[in-house]
Structures are given as C-alpha cells and as structure tokens.
Amino acid sequence: MANKITLETIDNLKEIKQTKDIQITDVHGNTYDVQLDTFFYESKVEKIASDYLELLIELNKMTDVDNEKVRQTFKLIYVMVLREFTDIPIPTKANINDLIGLSVSLGDSGITNEVMKSIPNKEFRKIEKKLKEVEKQTSKIMAEVVAKTTI
C-alpha cells in the first residue's frame, strides 16, 4: 500500500535538491567550480518561460531597439537557465539591458557553453518544451519588436 500525502510530505519535497559540482574553464584558462541542478523542477522551468516573456514585453516597450539588441535577446534563455539552475550569481531583478550584458560576457568567456554541455539533455528538453508552449506569445511580441526596428 502506498503512503498518504501529508503536509509534512509536501514540506519535505521542497527540500529535495539534486545537484552536482562541475568544474568549468573559461577561454582565458581560468577554472571555476559551479553547482548545477541535475533535475529541473517544473516551477523553475515555468519561471524561465514567464521571465522571458516579461523581458520581451519590456523590449517591446523600449524605443531604442535595434537589430543587434533583438538578436541578443535570443541568448537570454541561457542566462536565465544559468540563473535558475546553477549557483552563478545572476540577479533576479536585472533589467533586459543588464541581462544582455551578462549574456554577452558569459557567452564570450565560454562559461555559458561549458555549463550547457554539462546539463543533462533530458532536463534541457523540459525548457524547450515549455518555450514551445509559449511560442505564440513570444512570436507575436518579437514580430512587433522587429517591426519597430525597421521603421
């Protein structure tokens, strides 16, 4: 017979965190220890999708958008993955320009690529699936943003 779910059971579920420590090397040969989640909980995956939509809405409200900024927004997903599933200190309240700056720095240094190679494919597919679910919304917003850059 299976166990009953109690409030204590639910509280204990919050404590389960599956992580591993990885070591990455940037393009300059510097080595870093990074703690990486090995299981991507649905709540964090949903947070990434929701935060990405909010950033696109923020981008759509901006008046100084150019093609380069639009191109860089596609890399923001990776910064948000690093923020949610590693111990790399990426601020949760950063605006789109700050996150783009972090994205460029982490990407150019090779850190993003090194961490992404360590993420289990099964876990990253959860993010891809969630983004496909919100693709209609993101596509509409991005179309509006792109239309602004051509005007």
Protein backbone atom coordinates (compact mmCIF):
# COMPACT_ATOMS: atom_id res chain seq x y z
CA MET A 1 0.00 0.00 0.00
CA ALA A 2 1.27 3.46 -0.90
CA ASN A 3 1.86 6.25 1.59
CA LYS A 4 -0.59 9.09 2.18
CA ILE A 5 0.50 12.58 1.18
CA THR A 6 0.57 14.83 4.23
CA LEU A 7 1.60 18.43 4.81
CA GLU A 8 4.88 17.09 6.18
CA THR A 9 5.40 15.10 2.98
CA ILE A 10 4.87 18.23 0.88
CA ASP A 11 7.27 20.23 3.06
CA ASN A 12 9.90 17.51 2.68
CA LEU A 13 9.51 17.52 -1.10
CA LYS A 14 10.65 21.15 -1.19
CA GLU A 15 13.94 20.12 0.40
CA ILE A 16 14.93 17.62 -2.29
CA LYS A 17 17.54 19.24 -4.46
CA GLN A 18 19.54 17.21 -6.92
CA THR A 19 22.83 18.90 -7.76
CA LYS A 20 26.34 18.12 -8.84
CA ASP A 21 29.51 20.13 -8.71
CA ILE A 22 31.20 20.72 -12.04
CA GLN A 23 34.42 22.45 -12.93
CA ILE A 24 34.49 24.70 -15.96
CA THR A 25 37.28 26.57 -17.70
CA ASP A 26 36.78 29.89 -19.46
CA VAL A 27 38.51 30.98 -22.68
CA HIS A 28 41.32 32.55 -20.65
CA GLY A 29 42.15 29.31 -18.85
CA ASN A 30 40.56 30.29 -15.53
CA THR A 31 38.87 27.41 -13.73
CA TYR A 32 35.66 27.73 -11.71
CA ASP A 33 33.56 25.45 -9.54
CA VAL A 34 29.85 25.60 -10.35
CA GLN A 35 26.99 23.84 -8.63
CA LEU A 36 24.48 22.60 -11.23
CA ASP A 37 21.00 21.24 -10.66
CA THR A 38 20.67 17.81 -12.24
CA PHE A 39 16.88 17.83 -12.07
CA PHE A 40 14.90 20.78 -13.42
CA TYR A 41 11.75 21.28 -11.38
CA GLU A 42 8.66 22.41 -13.27
CA SER A 43 8.29 25.56 -11.17
CA LYS A 44 11.75 26.80 -12.19
CA VAL A 45 11.15 25.90 -15.84
CA GLU A 46 7.90 27.87 -15.76
CA LYS A 47 9.72 30.79 -14.13
CA ILE A 48 12.20 30.89 -17.01
CA ALA A 49 9.40 30.96 -19.60
CA SER A 50 7.47 33.60 -17.66
CA ASP A 51 10.55 35.78 -17.09
CA TYR A 52 11.48 35.51 -20.76
CA LEU A 53 8.01 36.71 -21.77
CA GLU A 54 8.30 39.63 -19.34
CA LEU A 55 11.66 40.59 -20.85
CA LEU A 56 10.20 40.53 -24.35
CA ILE A 57 7.35 42.74 -23.19
CA GLU A 58 9.95 45.10 -21.69
CA LEU A 59 11.84 45.05 -25.00
CA ASN A 60 8.66 45.83 -26.91
CA LYS A 61 8.09 48.93 -24.77
CA MET A 62 11.58 50.27 -25.47
CA THR A 63 12.07 52.92 -28.13
CA ASP A 64 15.80 52.42 -28.77
CA VAL A 65 15.66 48.85 -30.09
CA ASP A 66 17.96 47.91 -32.94
CA ASN A 67 18.60 44.65 -34.78
CA GLU A 68 21.59 43.83 -32.58
CA LYS A 69 19.52 44.02 -29.40
CA VAL A 70 16.83 41.85 -30.96
CA ARG A 71 19.47 39.26 -31.90
CA GLN A 72 20.91 39.27 -28.40
CA THR A 73 17.54 38.61 -26.76
CA PHE A 74 17.55 35.07 -28.10
CA LYS A 75 20.54 34.29 -25.85
CA LEU A 76 18.75 35.45 -22.72
CA ILE A 77 17.27 31.99 -22.21
CA TYR A 78 20.75 30.67 -21.47
CA VAL A 79 21.40 33.35 -18.83
CA MET A 80 18.10 32.52 -17.19
CA VAL A 81 18.97 28.82 -17.22
CA LEU A 82 22.26 29.66 -15.51
CA ARG A 83 20.41 31.85 -13.00
CA GLU A 84 17.83 29.19 -12.09
CA PHE A 85 19.87 26.01 -12.23
CA THR A 86 23.38 26.98 -11.12
CA ASP A 87 24.96 28.93 -8.31
CA ILE A 88 26.34 31.54 -10.74
CA PRO A 89 25.26 34.86 -9.18
CA ILE A 90 22.88 36.33 -11.74
CA PRO A 91 20.48 38.91 -10.27
CA THR A 92 16.79 38.03 -10.35
CA LYS A 93 15.73 41.67 -10.67
CA ALA A 94 18.02 42.65 -13.56
CA ASN A 95 16.54 44.54 -16.50
CA ILE A 96 16.87 43.41 -20.10
CA ASN A 97 19.96 45.53 -20.81
CA ASP A 98 21.78 44.16 -17.76
CA LEU A 99 20.87 40.59 -18.68
CA ILE A 100 22.03 41.11 -22.27
CA GLY A 101 25.34 42.42 -20.90
CA LEU A 102 25.69 39.35 -18.66
CA SER A 103 24.73 37.11 -21.56
CA VAL A 104 27.45 38.59 -23.76
CA SER A 105 30.09 38.39 -21.00
CA LEU A 106 29.24 34.82 -20.03
CA GLY A 107 28.99 33.75 -23.67
CA ASP A 108 32.21 35.40 -24.82
CA SER A 109 34.11 33.95 -21.86
CA GLY A 110 32.94 30.43 -22.75
CA ILE A 111 31.24 29.95 -19.40
CA THR A 112 27.75 29.57 -20.88
CA ASN A 113 28.88 26.89 -23.31
CA GLU A 114 30.83 24.99 -20.65
CA VAL A 115 27.86 24.85 -18.29
CA MET A 116 25.38 24.00 -21.05
CA LYS A 117 27.48 20.99 -22.05
CA SER A 118 27.04 19.64 -18.51
CA ILE A 119 23.25 19.91 -18.40
CA PRO A 120 21.52 16.57 -18.98
CA ASN A 121 19.66 16.66 -22.33
CA LYS A 122 16.50 15.33 -20.71
CA GLU A 123 16.42 18.33 -18.38
CA PHE A 124 17.09 20.94 -21.06
CA ARG A 125 14.27 19.47 -23.15
CA LYS A 126 11.87 20.49 -20.37
CA ILE A 127 12.78 24.12 -21.05
CA GLU A 128 12.46 23.67 -24.81
CA LYS A 129 9.02 22.10 -24.34
CA LYS A 130 7.85 24.95 -22.10
CA LEU A 131 9.13 27.56 -24.56
CA LYS A 132 7.23 25.85 -27.37
CA GLU A 133 4.08 26.19 -25.28
CA VAL A 134 4.55 29.97 -25.05
CA GLU A 135 5.93 30.34 -28.58
CA LYS A 136 2.77 32.01 -29.93
CA GLN A 137 3.05 34.78 -27.36
CA THR A 138 6.78 35.24 -27.87
CA SER A 139 6.46 35.22 -31.65
CA LYS A 140 3.81 37.92 -31.59
CA ILE A 141 5.88 40.15 -29.31
CA MET A 142 9.07 39.61 -31.32
CA ALA A 143 7.23 40.43 -34.55
CA GLU A 144 6.16 43.74 -33.02
CA VAL A 145 9.71 44.45 -31.87
CA VAL A 146 11.20 43.65 -35.28
CA ALA A 147 8.60 45.85 -36.97
CA LYS A 148 9.76 48.74 -34.77
CA THR A 149 13.39 48.28 -35.78
CA THR A 150 12.56 48.55 -39.46
CA ILE A 151 10.57 51.75 -39.14
